[in-house]
Amino acid sequence: MHQKGEFHKVATILESEQQTIEQEINTIKTCLQALQTSHEKAHVDIKVMRQKITALLDTLERNSVQSLNTSYETLQKSSLQSHLSICFKAQVDLLQIKDAIKDIDD
């Protein structure tokens, strides 16, 4: 009888340990599932952030190129053309003065 009681105790302990192990397995499975879900969400968040950054960089590039083109056209058409015209006129004036001095000297 004594052995039967010991076997029963061991069986009870084993059953209790089996339940503990099953609980730990379930906890680990839950943690792994949560980890996978977090990983997938982080991956999606990174892709979305990348798309936003790319869109912002595209907008910045477009605006910068447009501003650069506008500045170039403004300088080319107004300031530099005006300076070029002044230089041409000064060149003609200097030639006329040179010719006038030459005529006086002759």
N, C-alpha and C. Protein backbone atom coordinates (compact mmCIF):
# COMPACT_ATOMS: atom_id res chain seq x y z
N MET A 1 0.81 -1.19 0.00
CA MET A 1 0.00 0.00 0.00
C MET A 1 0.85 1.26 0.00
N HIS A 2 1.92 1.17 0.68
CA HIS A 2 2.79 2.33 0.77
C HIS A 2 3.30 2.74 -0.61
N GLN A 3 3.63 1.77 -1.44
CA GLN A 3 4.12 2.07 -2.78
C GLN A 3 3.03 2.70 -3.63
N LYS A 4 1.82 2.23 -3.46
CA LYS A 4 0.71 2.77 -4.23
C LYS A 4 0.51 4.24 -3.91
N GLY A 5 0.64 4.62 -2.68
CA GLY A 5 0.51 6.01 -2.26
C GLY A 5 1.63 6.86 -2.84
N GLU A 6 2.85 6.31 -2.87
CA GLU A 6 3.98 7.04 -3.45
C GLU A 6 3.77 7.23 -4.95
N PHE A 7 3.30 6.19 -5.62
CA PHE A 7 3.03 6.31 -7.06
C PHE A 7 1.96 7.36 -7.33
N HIS A 8 0.97 7.38 -6.48
CA HIS A 8 -0.11 8.37 -6.63
C HIS A 8 0.44 9.78 -6.45
N LYS A 9 1.33 9.97 -5.45
CA LYS A 9 1.95 11.28 -5.23
C LYS A 9 2.77 11.70 -6.45
N VAL A 10 3.58 10.76 -6.95
CA VAL A 10 4.42 11.05 -8.12
C VAL A 10 3.53 11.38 -9.31
N ALA A 11 2.46 10.63 -9.49
CA ALA A 11 1.54 10.89 -10.60
C ALA A 11 0.91 12.27 -10.47
N THR A 12 0.56 12.66 -9.24
CA THR A 12 -0.02 13.98 -9.00
C THR A 12 1.00 15.08 -9.30
N ILE A 13 2.23 14.87 -8.85
CA ILE A 13 3.30 15.84 -9.11
C ILE A 13 3.55 15.96 -10.62
N LEU A 14 3.61 14.82 -11.29
CA LEU A 14 3.82 14.82 -12.75
C LEU A 14 2.69 15.54 -13.47
N GLU A 15 1.48 15.30 -13.03
CA GLU A 15 0.31 15.97 -13.63
C GLU A 15 0.40 17.48 -13.42
N SER A 16 0.80 17.89 -12.22
CA SER A 16 0.95 19.32 -11.91
C SER A 16 2.05 19.93 -12.78
N GLU A 17 3.16 19.24 -12.91
CA GLU A 17 4.27 19.73 -13.74
C GLU A 17 3.85 19.80 -15.21
N GLN A 18 3.08 18.81 -15.65
CA GLN A 18 2.58 18.80 -17.03
C GLN A 18 1.71 20.04 -17.28
N GLN A 19 0.87 20.38 -16.33
CA GLN A 19 0.02 21.56 -16.47
C GLN A 19 0.86 22.83 -16.50
N THR A 20 1.88 22.89 -15.64
CA THR A 20 2.78 24.05 -15.61
C THR A 20 3.49 24.19 -16.95
N ILE A 21 3.98 23.08 -17.48
CA ILE A 21 4.66 23.11 -18.78
C ILE A 21 3.71 23.57 -19.88
N GLU A 22 2.48 23.07 -19.86
CA GLU A 22 1.49 23.48 -20.86
C GLU A 22 1.20 24.97 -20.77
N GLN A 23 1.12 25.48 -19.53
CA GLN A 23 0.90 26.92 -19.35
C GLN A 23 2.08 27.72 -19.91
N GLU A 24 3.29 27.25 -19.64
CA GLU A 24 4.48 27.93 -20.16
C GLU A 24 4.51 27.88 -21.69
N ILE A 25 4.15 26.74 -22.26
CA ILE A 25 4.10 26.61 -23.72
C ILE A 25 3.09 27.61 -24.29
N ASN A 26 1.93 27.70 -23.67
CA ASN A 26 0.91 28.65 -24.13
C ASN A 26 1.39 30.10 -24.00
N THR A 27 2.07 30.39 -22.89
CA THR A 27 2.62 31.74 -22.69
C THR A 27 3.65 32.06 -23.77
N ILE A 28 4.53 31.10 -24.04
CA ILE A 28 5.56 31.31 -25.07
C ILE A 28 4.91 31.49 -26.44
N LYS A 29 3.90 30.68 -26.75
CA LYS A 29 3.20 30.82 -28.03
C LYS A 29 2.56 32.20 -28.15
N THR A 30 1.96 32.66 -27.06
CA THR A 30 1.34 33.99 -27.05
C THR A 30 2.40 35.07 -27.27
N CYS A 31 3.52 34.93 -26.60
CA CYS A 31 4.62 35.91 -26.76
C CYS A 31 5.16 35.89 -28.19
N LEU A 32 5.32 34.71 -28.76
CA LEU A 32 5.80 34.61 -30.14
C LEU A 32 4.82 35.24 -31.12
N GLN A 33 3.53 35.03 -30.88
CA GLN A 33 2.52 35.64 -31.75
C GLN A 33 2.55 37.16 -31.62
N ALA A 34 2.68 37.65 -30.39
CA ALA A 34 2.76 39.10 -30.18
C ALA A 34 4.01 39.66 -30.84
N LEU A 35 5.12 38.93 -30.75
CA LEU A 35 6.37 39.36 -31.38
C LEU A 35 6.20 39.43 -32.90
N GLN A 36 5.57 38.41 -33.48
CA GLN A 36 5.35 38.41 -34.93
C GLN A 36 4.45 39.57 -35.34
N THR A 37 3.40 39.81 -34.58
CA THR A 37 2.49 40.91 -34.88
C THR A 37 3.22 42.25 -34.80
N SER A 38 4.02 42.43 -33.76
CA SER A 38 4.80 43.67 -33.61
C SER A 38 5.79 43.83 -34.75
N HIS A 39 6.43 42.74 -35.14
CA HIS A 39 7.39 42.78 -36.24
C HIS A 39 6.70 43.21 -37.53
N GLU A 40 5.56 42.61 -37.82
CA GLU A 40 4.83 42.94 -39.05
C GLU A 40 4.38 44.40 -39.03
N LYS A 41 3.89 44.87 -37.89
CA LYS A 41 3.44 46.26 -37.78
C LYS A 41 4.61 47.21 -37.97
N ALA A 42 5.75 46.90 -37.34
CA ALA A 42 6.94 47.75 -37.49
C ALA A 42 7.38 47.79 -38.94
N HIS A 43 7.33 46.66 -39.62
CA HIS A 43 7.72 46.59 -41.03
C HIS A 43 6.81 47.47 -41.88
N VAL A 44 5.51 47.41 -41.62
CA VAL A 44 4.55 48.26 -42.35
C VAL A 44 4.80 49.73 -42.03
N ASP A 45 5.02 50.04 -40.76
CA ASP A 45 5.29 51.43 -40.36
C ASP A 45 6.53 51.98 -41.05
N ILE A 46 7.56 51.15 -41.15
CA ILE A 46 8.80 51.58 -41.82
C ILE A 46 8.53 51.86 -43.30
N LYS A 47 7.77 50.98 -43.95
CA LYS A 47 7.44 51.20 -45.37
C LYS A 47 6.64 52.48 -45.57
N VAL A 48 5.66 52.71 -44.69
CA VAL A 48 4.84 53.92 -44.79
C VAL A 48 5.71 55.16 -44.58
N MET A 49 6.59 55.12 -43.59
CA MET A 49 7.49 56.25 -43.32
C MET A 49 8.39 56.49 -44.53
N ARG A 50 8.89 55.41 -45.12
CA ARG A 50 9.75 55.54 -46.31
C ARG A 50 8.99 56.21 -47.45
N GLN A 51 7.74 55.82 -47.65
CA GLN A 51 6.93 56.43 -48.71
C GLN A 51 6.72 57.92 -48.44
N LYS A 52 6.47 58.27 -47.18
CA LYS A 52 6.27 59.68 -46.82
C LYS A 52 7.56 60.48 -47.06
N ILE A 53 8.68 59.91 -46.64
CA ILE A 53 9.97 60.60 -46.83
C ILE A 53 10.26 60.77 -48.32
N THR A 54 10.02 59.73 -49.10
CA THR A 54 10.24 59.81 -50.54
C THR A 54 9.35 60.88 -51.16
N ALA A 55 8.09 60.93 -50.75
CA ALA A 55 7.18 61.95 -51.28
C ALA A 55 7.66 63.35 -50.91
N LEU A 56 8.10 63.52 -49.67
CA LEU A 56 8.61 64.83 -49.23
C LEU A 56 9.87 65.22 -50.01
N LEU A 57 10.76 64.26 -50.22
CA LEU A 57 11.97 64.55 -51.00
C LEU A 57 11.63 64.89 -52.45
N ASP A 58 10.67 64.19 -53.02
CA ASP A 58 10.23 64.51 -54.38
C ASP A 58 9.68 65.93 -54.46
N THR A 59 8.87 66.30 -53.48
CA THR A 59 8.30 67.65 -53.44
C THR A 59 9.41 68.69 -53.28
N LEU A 60 10.34 68.42 -52.38
CA LEU A 60 11.47 69.34 -52.16
C LEU A 60 12.29 69.48 -53.45
N GLU A 61 12.52 68.39 -54.13
CA GLU A 61 13.28 68.44 -55.38
C GLU A 61 12.55 69.27 -56.43
N ARG A 62 11.26 69.01 -56.60
CA ARG A 62 10.46 69.77 -57.58
C ARG A 62 10.50 71.25 -57.27
N ASN A 63 10.25 71.60 -56.00
CA ASN A 63 10.24 73.01 -55.61
C ASN A 63 11.60 73.66 -55.79
N SER A 64 12.66 72.94 -55.45
CA SER A 64 14.01 73.48 -55.60
C SER A 64 14.37 73.71 -57.06
N VAL A 65 14.05 72.75 -57.90
CA VAL A 65 14.33 72.89 -59.34
C VAL A 65 13.51 74.03 -59.92
N GLN A 66 12.25 74.13 -59.52
CA GLN A 66 11.41 75.22 -60.02
C GLN A 66 11.97 76.57 -59.57
N SER A 67 12.37 76.68 -58.33
CA SER A 67 12.94 77.92 -57.82
C SER A 67 14.25 78.25 -58.54
N LEU A 68 15.07 77.24 -58.76
CA LEU A 68 16.33 77.43 -59.47
C LEU A 68 16.07 77.92 -60.89
N ASN A 69 15.12 77.30 -61.57
CA ASN A 69 14.79 77.71 -62.94
C ASN A 69 14.25 79.13 -62.98
N THR A 70 13.40 79.46 -62.02
CA THR A 70 12.84 80.82 -61.96
C THR A 70 13.95 81.84 -61.74
N SER A 71 14.85 81.55 -60.82
CA SER A 71 15.97 82.47 -60.55
C SER A 71 16.85 82.62 -61.78
N TYR A 72 17.12 81.52 -62.43
CA TYR A 72 17.96 81.54 -63.64
C TYR A 72 17.32 82.39 -64.72
N GLU A 73 16.05 82.16 -64.96
CA GLU A 73 15.35 82.92 -66.00
C GLU A 73 15.28 84.40 -65.65
N THR A 74 15.03 84.70 -64.39
CA THR A 74 14.96 86.10 -63.96
C THR A 74 16.31 86.79 -64.17
N LEU A 75 17.37 86.14 -63.74
CA LEU A 75 18.70 86.73 -63.90
C LEU A 75 19.08 86.85 -65.38
N GLN A 76 18.77 85.82 -66.11
CA GLN A 76 19.14 85.81 -67.53
C GLN A 76 18.38 86.88 -68.30
N LYS A 77 17.11 87.00 -68.05
CA LYS A 77 16.26 87.91 -68.82
C LYS A 77 16.40 89.35 -68.38
N SER A 78 16.50 89.59 -67.10
CA SER A 78 16.48 90.98 -66.65
C SER A 78 17.86 91.51 -66.33
N SER A 79 18.43 91.07 -65.26
CA SER A 79 19.68 91.65 -64.76
C SER A 79 20.82 91.50 -65.76
N LEU A 80 21.09 90.29 -66.18
CA LEU A 80 22.24 90.08 -67.05
C LEU A 80 22.01 90.68 -68.43
N GLN A 81 20.80 90.57 -68.95
CA GLN A 81 20.51 91.18 -70.26
C GLN A 81 20.65 92.69 -70.18
N SER A 82 20.19 93.26 -69.08
CA SER A 82 20.30 94.71 -68.88
C SER A 82 21.77 95.12 -68.82
N HIS A 83 22.56 94.38 -68.07
CA HIS A 83 23.99 94.68 -67.98
C HIS A 83 24.67 94.51 -69.34
N LEU A 84 24.28 93.50 -70.06
CA LEU A 84 24.84 93.28 -71.39
C LEU A 84 24.51 94.44 -72.31
N SER A 85 23.28 94.92 -72.26
CA SER A 85 22.88 96.07 -73.08
C SER A 85 23.70 97.31 -72.71
N ILE A 86 23.89 97.53 -71.42
CA ILE A 86 24.69 98.68 -70.96
C ILE A 86 26.13 98.56 -71.47
N CYS A 87 26.68 97.36 -71.41
CA CYS A 87 28.05 97.16 -71.89
C CYS A 87 28.15 97.41 -73.40
N PHE A 88 27.17 96.93 -74.17
CA PHE A 88 27.18 97.18 -75.62
C PHE A 88 27.10 98.68 -75.91
N LYS A 89 26.22 99.37 -75.18
CA LYS A 89 26.08 100.82 -75.38
C LYS A 89 27.37 101.53 -75.02
N ALA A 90 28.00 101.12 -73.91
CA ALA A 90 29.27 101.74 -73.50
C ALA A 90 30.34 101.48 -74.55
N GLN A 91 30.32 100.30 -75.12
CA GLN A 91 31.29 99.97 -76.16
C GLN A 91 31.11 100.87 -77.38
N VAL A 92 29.85 101.06 -77.80
CA VAL A 92 29.55 101.94 -78.94
C VAL A 92 29.95 103.37 -78.60
N ASP A 93 29.62 103.82 -77.40
CA ASP A 93 29.98 105.18 -76.98
C ASP A 93 31.49 105.38 -77.00
N LEU A 94 32.23 104.40 -76.50
CA LEU A 94 33.69 104.51 -76.49
C LEU A 94 34.25 104.55 -77.91
N LEU A 95 33.67 103.77 -78.80
CA LEU A 95 34.11 103.82 -80.20
C LEU A 95 33.84 105.19 -80.81
N GLN A 96 32.69 105.76 -80.49
CA GLN A 96 32.35 107.10 -81.02
C GLN A 96 33.31 108.15 -80.46
N ILE A 97 33.61 108.05 -79.17
CA ILE A 97 34.55 109.00 -78.56
C ILE A 97 35.93 108.84 -79.20
N LYS A 98 36.34 107.60 -79.41
CA LYS A 98 37.63 107.33 -80.03
C LYS A 98 37.69 107.93 -81.43
N ASP A 99 36.59 107.72 -82.19
CA ASP A 99 36.54 108.28 -83.55
C ASP A 99 36.54 109.80 -83.52
N ALA A 100 35.82 110.38 -82.54
CA ALA A 100 35.77 111.85 -82.43
C ALA A 100 37.15 112.39 -82.10
N ILE A 101 37.86 111.73 -81.20
CA ILE A 101 39.21 112.18 -80.83
C ILE A 101 40.14 112.04 -82.03
N LYS A 102 39.97 110.98 -82.76
CA LYS A 102 40.79 110.75 -83.95
C LYS A 102 40.55 111.85 -84.98
N ASP A 103 39.25 112.23 -85.15
CA ASP A 103 38.91 113.29 -86.11
C ASP A 103 39.50 114.63 -85.67
N ILE A 104 39.47 114.90 -84.38
CA ILE A 104 40.01 116.16 -83.86
C ILE A 104 41.53 116.18 -84.05
N ASP A 105 42.13 115.06 -83.82
CA ASP A 105 43.59 114.96 -83.90
C ASP A 105 44.07 115.07 -85.33
N ASP A 106 43.28 114.69 -86.29
CA ASP A 106 43.69 114.75 -87.70
C ASP A 106 43.58 116.11 -88.19
